[in-house]
PDB file of N, CA and C in Angstrom:
ATOM      1  N   MET A   1       0.850  -1.175   0.000  1.00  0.00           N
ATOM      2  CA  MET A   1       0.000   0.000   0.000  1.00  0.00           C
ATOM      3  C   MET A   1       0.891   1.231   0.000  1.00  0.00           C
ATOM      4  N   ASN A   2       0.653   2.117  -0.935  1.00  0.00           N
ATOM      5  CA  ASN A   2       1.436   3.342  -1.057  1.00  0.00           C
ATOM      6  C   ASN A   2       0.639   4.488  -0.436  1.00  0.00           C
ATOM      7  N   LEU A   3       0.952   4.829   0.808  1.00  0.00           N
ATOM      8  CA  LEU A   3       0.195   5.843   1.530  1.00  0.00           C
ATOM      9  C   LEU A   3       0.508   7.263   1.082  1.00  0.00           C
ATOM     10  N   SER A   4       1.498   7.425   0.220  1.00  0.00           N
ATOM     11  CA  SER A   4       1.793   8.765  -0.284  1.00  0.00           C
ATOM     12  C   SER A   4       0.784   9.192  -1.355  1.00  0.00           C
ATOM     13  N   VAL A   5      -0.017   8.254  -1.850  1.00  0.00           N
ATOM     14  CA  VAL A   5      -1.045   8.538  -2.846  1.00  0.00           C
ATOM     15  C   VAL A   5      -2.334   8.925  -2.122  1.00  0.00           C
ATOM     16  N   LYS A   6      -2.865  10.110  -2.449  1.00  0.00           N
ATOM     17  CA  LYS A   6      -4.100  10.575  -1.812  1.00  0.00           C
ATOM     18  C   LYS A   6      -5.269   9.751  -2.313  1.00  0.00           C
ATOM     19  N   SER A   7      -5.922   9.049  -1.387  1.00  0.00           N
ATOM     20  CA  SER A   7      -7.133   8.317  -1.732  1.00  0.00           C
ATOM     21  C   SER A   7      -7.963   8.114  -0.473  1.00  0.00           C
ATOM     22  N   THR A   8      -9.239   7.920  -0.663  1.00  0.00           N
ATOM     23  CA  THR A   8     -10.130   7.669   0.460  1.00  0.00           C
ATOM     24  C   THR A   8      -9.739   6.387   1.176  1.00  0.00           C
ATOM     25  N   GLU A   9      -9.353   5.380   0.406  1.00  0.00           N
ATOM     26  CA  GLU A   9      -8.965   4.101   1.000  1.00  0.00           C
ATOM     27  C   GLU A   9      -7.731   4.262   1.891  1.00  0.00           C
ATOM     28  N   ASN A  10      -6.749   5.033   1.428  1.00  0.00           N
ATOM     29  CA  ASN A  10      -5.544   5.254   2.223  1.00  0.00           C
ATOM     30  C   ASN A  10      -5.862   6.051   3.484  1.00  0.00           C
ATOM     31  N   ALA A  11      -6.718   7.060   3.362  1.00  0.00           N
ATOM     32  CA  ALA A  11      -7.116   7.851   4.534  1.00  0.00           C
ATOM     33  C   ALA A  11      -7.826   6.959   5.542  1.00  0.00           C
ATOM     34  N   GLU A  12      -8.711   6.110   5.054  1.00  0.00           N
ATOM     35  CA  GLU A  12      -9.437   5.194   5.934  1.00  0.00           C
ATOM     36  C   GLU A  12      -8.469   4.248   6.648  1.00  0.00           C
ATOM     37  N   TYR A  13      -7.507   3.717   5.916  1.00  0.00           N
ATOM     38  CA  TYR A  13      -6.517   2.812   6.501  1.00  0.00           C
ATOM     39  C   TYR A  13      -5.726   3.525   7.604  1.00  0.00           C
ATOM     40  N   MET A  14      -5.252   4.739   7.313  1.00  0.00           N
ATOM     41  CA  MET A  14      -4.445   5.459   8.299  1.00  0.00           C
ATOM     42  C   MET A  14      -5.261   5.780   9.548  1.00  0.00           C
ATOM     43  N   ILE A  15      -6.499   6.199   9.361  1.00  0.00           N
ATOM     44  CA  ILE A  15      -7.354   6.520  10.505  1.00  0.00           C
ATOM     45  C   ILE A  15      -7.605   5.280  11.354  1.00  0.00           C
ATOM     46  N   GLU A  16      -7.887   4.160  10.707  1.00  0.00           N
ATOM     47  CA  GLU A  16      -8.112   2.912  11.453  1.00  0.00           C
ATOM     48  C   GLU A  16      -6.862   2.492  12.221  1.00  0.00           C
ATOM     49  N   GLN A  17      -5.713   2.648  11.612  1.00  0.00           N
ATOM     50  CA  GLN A  17      -4.458   2.286  12.283  1.00  0.00           C
ATOM     51  C   GLN A  17      -4.191   3.196  13.476  1.00  0.00           C
ATOM     52  N   ILE A  18      -4.457   4.489  13.329  1.00  0.00           N
ATOM     53  CA  ILE A  18      -4.280   5.432  14.435  1.00  0.00           C
ATOM     54  C   ILE A  18      -5.228   5.064  15.573  1.00  0.00           C
ATOM     55  N   LYS A  19      -6.490   4.794  15.257  1.00  0.00           N
ATOM     56  CA  LYS A  19      -7.464   4.435  16.284  1.00  0.00           C
ATOM     57  C   LYS A  19      -7.051   3.154  16.993  1.00  0.00           C
ATOM     58  N   ASP A  20      -6.568   2.173  16.248  1.00  0.00           N
ATOM     59  CA  ASP A  20      -6.125   0.915  16.854  1.00  0.00           C
ATOM     60  C   ASP A  20      -4.920   1.125  17.766  1.00  0.00           C
ATOM     61  N   ARG A  21      -3.960   1.895  17.313  1.00  0.00           N
ATOM     62  CA  ARG A  21      -2.743   2.129  18.090  1.00  0.00           C
ATOM     63  C   ARG A  21      -3.054   2.866  19.387  1.00  0.00           C
ATOM     64  N   LEU A  22      -3.995   3.810  19.319  1.00  0.00           N
ATOM     65  CA  LEU A  22      -4.338   4.604  20.500  1.00  0.00           C
ATOM     66  C   LEU A  22      -5.420   3.951  21.353  1.00  0.00           C
ATOM     67  N   ARG A  23      -6.007   2.873  20.837  1.00  0.00           N
ATOM     68  CA  ARG A  23      -7.100   2.195  21.536  1.00  0.00           C
ATOM     69  C   ARG A  23      -8.166   3.202  21.960  1.00  0.00           C
ATOM     70  N   MET A  24      -8.612   3.985  20.996  1.00  0.00           N
ATOM     71  CA  MET A  24      -9.549   5.075  21.258  1.00  0.00           C
ATOM     72  C   MET A  24     -10.927   4.540  21.631  1.00  0.00           C
ATOM     73  N   ALA A  25     -11.483   5.091  22.698  1.00  0.00           N
ATOM     74  CA  ALA A  25     -12.794   4.662  23.190  1.00  0.00           C
ATOM     75  C   ALA A  25     -13.917   5.121  22.268  1.00  0.00           C
ATOM     76  N   ASN A  26     -13.822   6.328  21.749  1.00  0.00           N
ATOM     77  CA  ASN A  26     -14.870   6.859  20.878  1.00  0.00           C
ATOM     78  C   ASN A  26     -14.458   6.769  19.406  1.00  0.00           C
ATOM     79  N   ALA A  27     -13.880   5.658  19.036  1.00  0.00           N
ATOM     80  CA  ALA A  27     -13.336   5.471  17.693  1.00  0.00           C
ATOM     81  C   ALA A  27     -14.401   5.574  16.608  1.00  0.00           C
ATOM     82  N   GLY A  28     -15.631   5.238  16.915  1.00  0.00           N
ATOM     83  CA  GLY A  28     -16.694   5.311  15.924  1.00  0.00           C
ATOM     84  C   GLY A  28     -16.996   6.717  15.466  1.00  0.00           C
ATOM     85  N   ALA A  29     -16.566   7.707  16.241  1.00  0.00           N
ATOM     86  CA  ALA A  29     -16.829   9.107  15.900  1.00  0.00           C
ATOM     87  C   ALA A  29     -15.892   9.623  14.817  1.00  0.00           C
ATOM     88  N   ILE A  30     -14.826   8.895  14.528  1.00  0.00           N
ATOM     89  CA  ILE A  30     -13.837   9.342  13.546  1.00  0.00           C
ATOM     90  C   ILE A  30     -13.903   8.433  12.332  1.00  0.00           C
ATOM     91  N   LYS A  31     -14.239   9.024  11.191  1.00  0.00           N
ATOM     92  CA  LYS A  31     -14.352   8.257   9.952  1.00  0.00           C
ATOM     93  C   LYS A  31     -13.597   8.967   8.839  1.00  0.00           C
ATOM     94  N   ALA A  32     -13.161   8.214   7.860  1.00  0.00           N
ATOM     95  CA  ALA A  32     -12.401   8.781   6.741  1.00  0.00           C
ATOM     96  C   ALA A  32     -13.215   9.815   5.967  1.00  0.00           C
ATOM     97  N   THR A  33     -14.524   9.656   5.942  1.00  0.00           N
ATOM     98  CA  THR A  33     -15.369  10.596   5.209  1.00  0.00           C
ATOM     99  C   THR A  33     -15.396  11.979   5.852  1.00  0.00           C
ATOM    100  N   HIS A  34     -14.899  12.086   7.067  1.00  0.00           N
ATOM    101  CA  HIS A  34     -14.863  13.366   7.769  1.00  0.00           C
ATOM    102  C   HIS A  34     -13.665  14.221   7.373  1.00  0.00           C
ATOM    103  N   PHE A  35     -12.778  13.703   6.523  1.00  0.00           N
ATOM    104  CA  PHE A  35     -11.537  14.390   6.187  1.00  0.00           C
ATOM    105  C   PHE A  35     -11.512  14.791   4.722  1.00  0.00           C
ATOM    106  N   ASP A  36     -11.024  16.011   4.465  1.00  0.00           N
ATOM    107  CA  ASP A  36     -10.840  16.495   3.099  1.00  0.00           C
ATOM    108  C   ASP A  36      -9.505  16.009   2.567  1.00  0.00           C
ATOM    109  N   GLU A  37      -9.404  15.921   1.247  1.00  0.00           N
ATOM    110  CA  GLU A  37      -8.123  15.578   0.628  1.00  0.00           C
ATOM    111  C   GLU A  37      -7.071  16.633   0.928  1.00  0.00           C
ATOM    112  N   GLU A  38      -7.493  17.855   1.171  1.00  0.00           N
ATOM    113  CA  GLU A  38      -6.561  18.937   1.492  1.00  0.00           C
ATOM    114  C   GLU A  38      -5.766  18.634   2.755  1.00  0.00           C
ATOM    115  N   MET A  39      -6.344  17.848   3.643  1.00  0.00           N
ATOM    116  CA  MET A  39      -5.708  17.526   4.922  1.00  0.00           C
ATOM    117  C   MET A  39      -4.951  16.200   4.867  1.00  0.00           C
ATOM    118  N   TYR A  40      -4.849  15.608   3.689  1.00  0.00           N
ATOM    119  CA  TYR A  40      -4.238  14.288   3.563  1.00  0.00           C
ATOM    120  C   TYR A  40      -2.790  14.283   4.048  1.00  0.00           C
ATOM    121  N   VAL A  41      -2.027  15.289   3.689  1.00  0.00           N
ATOM    122  CA  VAL A  41      -0.609  15.338   4.071  1.00  0.00           C
ATOM    123  C   VAL A  41      -0.487  15.410   5.593  1.00  0.00           C
ATOM    124  N   GLU A  42      -1.319  16.237   6.224  1.00  0.00           N
ATOM    125  CA  GLU A  42      -1.294  16.357   7.674  1.00  0.00           C
ATOM    126  C   GLU A  42      -1.699  15.036   8.343  1.00  0.00           C
ATOM    127  N   LEU A  43      -2.703  14.380   7.777  1.00  0.00           N
ATOM    128  CA  LEU A  43      -3.122  13.084   8.296  1.00  0.00           C
ATOM    129  C   LEU A  43      -1.997  12.064   8.158  1.00  0.00           C
ATOM    130  N   HIS A  44      -1.322  12.073   7.030  1.00  0.00           N
ATOM    131  CA  HIS A  44      -0.204  11.151   6.799  1.00  0.00           C
ATOM    132  C   HIS A  44       0.920  11.424   7.799  1.00  0.00           C
ATOM    133  N   ASP A  45       1.208  12.687   8.058  1.00  0.00           N
ATOM    134  CA  ASP A  45       2.237  13.039   9.041  1.00  0.00           C
ATOM    135  C   ASP A  45       1.865  12.538  10.431  1.00  0.00           C
ATOM    136  N   LEU A  46       0.602  12.723  10.817  1.00  0.00           N
ATOM    137  CA  LEU A  46       0.140  12.249  12.121  1.00  0.00           C
ATOM    138  C   LEU A  46       0.233  10.730  12.198  1.00  0.00           C
ATOM    139  N   TYR A  47      -0.186  10.056  11.139  1.00  0.00           N
ATOM    140  CA  TYR A  47      -0.108   8.594  11.070  1.00  0.00           C
ATOM    141  C   TYR A  47       1.340   8.129  11.246  1.00  0.00           C
ATOM    142  N   THR A  48       2.267   8.757  10.543  1.00  0.00           N
ATOM    143  CA  THR A  48       3.676   8.376  10.620  1.00  0.00           C
ATOM    144  C   THR A  48       4.201   8.526  12.034  1.00  0.00           C
ATOM    145  N   MET A  49       3.863   9.629  12.688  1.00  0.00           N
ATOM    146  CA  MET A  49       4.311   9.865  14.062  1.00  0.00           C
ATOM    147  C   MET A  49       3.731   8.825  15.020  1.00  0.00           C
ATOM    148  N   VAL A  50       2.446   8.530  14.877  1.00  0.00           N
ATOM    149  CA  VAL A  50       1.791   7.571  15.775  1.00  0.00           C
ATOM    150  C   VAL A  50       2.367   6.169  15.583  1.00  0.00           C
ATOM    151  N   MET A  51       2.637   5.782  14.349  1.00  0.00           N
ATOM    152  CA  MET A  51       3.127   4.433  14.087  1.00  0.00           C
ATOM    153  C   MET A  51       4.568   4.227  14.564  1.00  0.00           C
ATOM    154  N   LYS A  52       5.312   5.294  14.718  1.00  0.00           N
ATOM    155  CA  LYS A  52       6.703   5.174  15.187  1.00  0.00           C
ATOM    156  C   LYS A  52       6.789   4.910  16.686  1.00  0.00           C
ATOM    157  N   ARG A  53       5.726   5.206  17.410  1.00  0.00           N
ATOM    158  CA  ARG A  53       5.752   5.099  18.863  1.00  0.00           C
ATOM    159  C   ARG A  53       4.988   3.872  19.333  1.00  0.00           C
ATOM    160  N   GLU A  54       5.425   3.311  20.436  1.00  0.00           N
ATOM    161  CA  GLU A  54       4.734   2.157  21.026  1.00  0.00           C
ATOM    162  C   GLU A  54       3.752   2.585  22.114  1.00  0.00           C
ATOM    163  N   ASN A  55       4.153   3.573  22.913  1.00  0.00           N
ATOM    164  CA  ASN A  55       3.349   4.001  24.059  1.00  0.00           C
ATOM    165  C   ASN A  55       3.107   5.498  24.007  1.00  0.00           C
ATOM    166  N   PHE A  56       1.965   5.889  24.570  1.00  0.00           N
ATOM    167  CA  PHE A  56       1.601   7.296  24.626  1.00  0.00           C
ATOM    168  C   PHE A  56       1.100   7.623  26.021  1.00  0.00           C
ATOM    169  N   SER A  57       1.458   8.795  26.501  1.00  0.00           N
ATOM    170  CA  SER A  57       0.925   9.258  27.777  1.00  0.00           C
ATOM    171  C   SER A  57      -0.516   9.711  27.538  1.00  0.00           C
ATOM    172  N   PRO A  58      -1.296   9.809  28.606  1.00  0.00           N
ATOM    173  CA  PRO A  58      -2.673  10.298  28.427  1.00  0.00           C
ATOM    174  C   PRO A  58      -2.735  11.675  27.768  1.00  0.00           C
ATOM    175  N   SER A  59      -1.814  12.557  28.119  1.00  0.00           N
ATOM    176  CA  SER A  59      -1.839  13.892  27.506  1.00  0.00           C
ATOM    177  C   SER A  59      -1.467  13.826  26.023  1.00  0.00           C
ATOM    178  N   GLU A  60      -0.558  12.923  25.651  1.00  0.00           N
ATOM    179  CA  GLU A  60      -0.211  12.753  24.236  1.00  0.00           C
ATOM    180  C   GLU A  60      -1.394  12.195  23.458  1.00  0.00           C
ATOM    181  N   MET A  61      -2.097  11.240  24.054  1.00  0.00           N
ATOM    182  CA  MET A  61      -3.279  10.671  23.399  1.00  0.00           C
ATOM    183  C   MET A  61      -4.343  11.737  23.191  1.00  0.00           C
ATOM    184  N   GLN A  62      -4.529  12.592  24.190  1.00  0.00           N
ATOM    185  CA  GLN A  62      -5.506  13.666  24.076  1.00  0.00           C
ATOM    186  C   GLN A  62      -5.095  14.641  22.973  1.00  0.00           C
ATOM    187  N   ALA A  63      -3.811  14.967  22.908  1.00  0.00           N
ATOM    188  CA  ALA A  63      -3.325  15.893  21.881  1.00  0.00           C
ATOM    189  C   ALA A  63      -3.515  15.305  20.485  1.00  0.00           C
ATOM    190  N   ILE A  64      -3.270  14.020  20.319  1.00  0.00           N
ATOM    191  CA  ILE A  64      -3.454  13.369  19.015  1.00  0.00           C
ATOM    192  C   ILE A  64      -4.931  13.370  18.631  1.00  0.00           C
ATOM    193  N   ALA A  65      -5.799  13.057  19.592  1.00  0.00           N
ATOM    194  CA  ALA A  65      -7.240  13.074  19.321  1.00  0.00           C
ATOM    195  C   ALA A  65      -7.696  14.484  18.940  1.00  0.00           C
ATOM    196  N   GLU A  66      -7.170  15.490  19.621  1.00  0.00           N
ATOM    197  CA  GLU A  66      -7.507  16.872  19.279  1.00  0.00           C
ATOM    198  C   GLU A  66      -7.025  17.223  17.875  1.00  0.00           C
ATOM    199  N   GLU A  67      -5.840  16.755  17.521  1.00  0.00           N
ATOM    200  CA  GLU A  67      -5.312  17.032  16.183  1.00  0.00           C
ATOM    201  C   GLU A  67      -6.184  16.359  15.124  1.00  0.00           C
ATOM    202  N   LEU A  68      -6.625  15.136  15.380  1.00  0.00           N
ATOM    203  CA  LEU A  68      -7.548  14.490  14.447  1.00  0.00           C
ATOM    204  C   LEU A  68      -8.815  15.320  14.302  1.00  0.00           C
ATOM    205  N   GLY A  69      -9.294  15.844  15.415  1.00  0.00           N
ATOM    206  CA  GLY A  69     -10.483  16.709  15.381  1.00  0.00           C
ATOM    207  C   GLY A  69     -10.241  17.966  14.579  1.00  0.00           C
ATOM    208  N   ASN A  70      -9.050  18.540  14.692  1.00  0.00           N
ATOM    209  CA  ASN A  70      -8.705  19.744  13.934  1.00  0.00           C
ATOM    210  C   ASN A  70      -8.619  19.474  12.431  1.00  0.00           C
ATOM    211  N   LEU A  71      -8.258  18.252  12.074  1.00  0.00           N
ATOM    212  CA  LEU A  71      -8.134  17.907  10.653  1.00  0.00           C
ATOM    213  C   LEU A  71      -9.465  17.595   9.992  1.00  0.00           C
ATOM    214  N   ARG A  72     -10.485  17.382  10.816  1.00  0.00           N
ATOM    215  CA  ARG A  72     -11.805  17.035  10.270  1.00  0.00           C
ATOM    216  C   ARG A  72     -12.379  18.167   9.441  1.00  0.00           C
ATOM    217  N   ARG A  73     -13.182  17.775   8.470  1.00  0.00           N
ATOM    218  CA  ARG A  73     -13.883  18.727   7.610  1.00  0.00           C
ATOM    219  C   ARG A  73     -14.800  19.579   8.474  1.00  0.00           C
ATOM    220  N   LYS A  74     -14.786  20.849   8.224  1.00  0.00           N
ATOM    221  CA  LYS A  74     -15.613  21.783   9.008  1.00  0.00           C
ATOM    222  C   LYS A  74     -17.014  21.858   8.455  1.00  0.00           C
TER     223      LYS A  74
END
């Protein structure tokens, strides 16, 4: 899978991987359809950062969730 290519499928994959890694309780609230292609690069950057780490503090998890919220379509 080439995540550098902007596609709905790639966005969905990255979002699912982020939710799995963070074990998000309200994961159903975040869907790929909520994101614009304009935010794809930012989403990819967030995905890359999350996948590099094994553990997150509660404040880091909150910051990542907030960033996902900021990337959502308005």
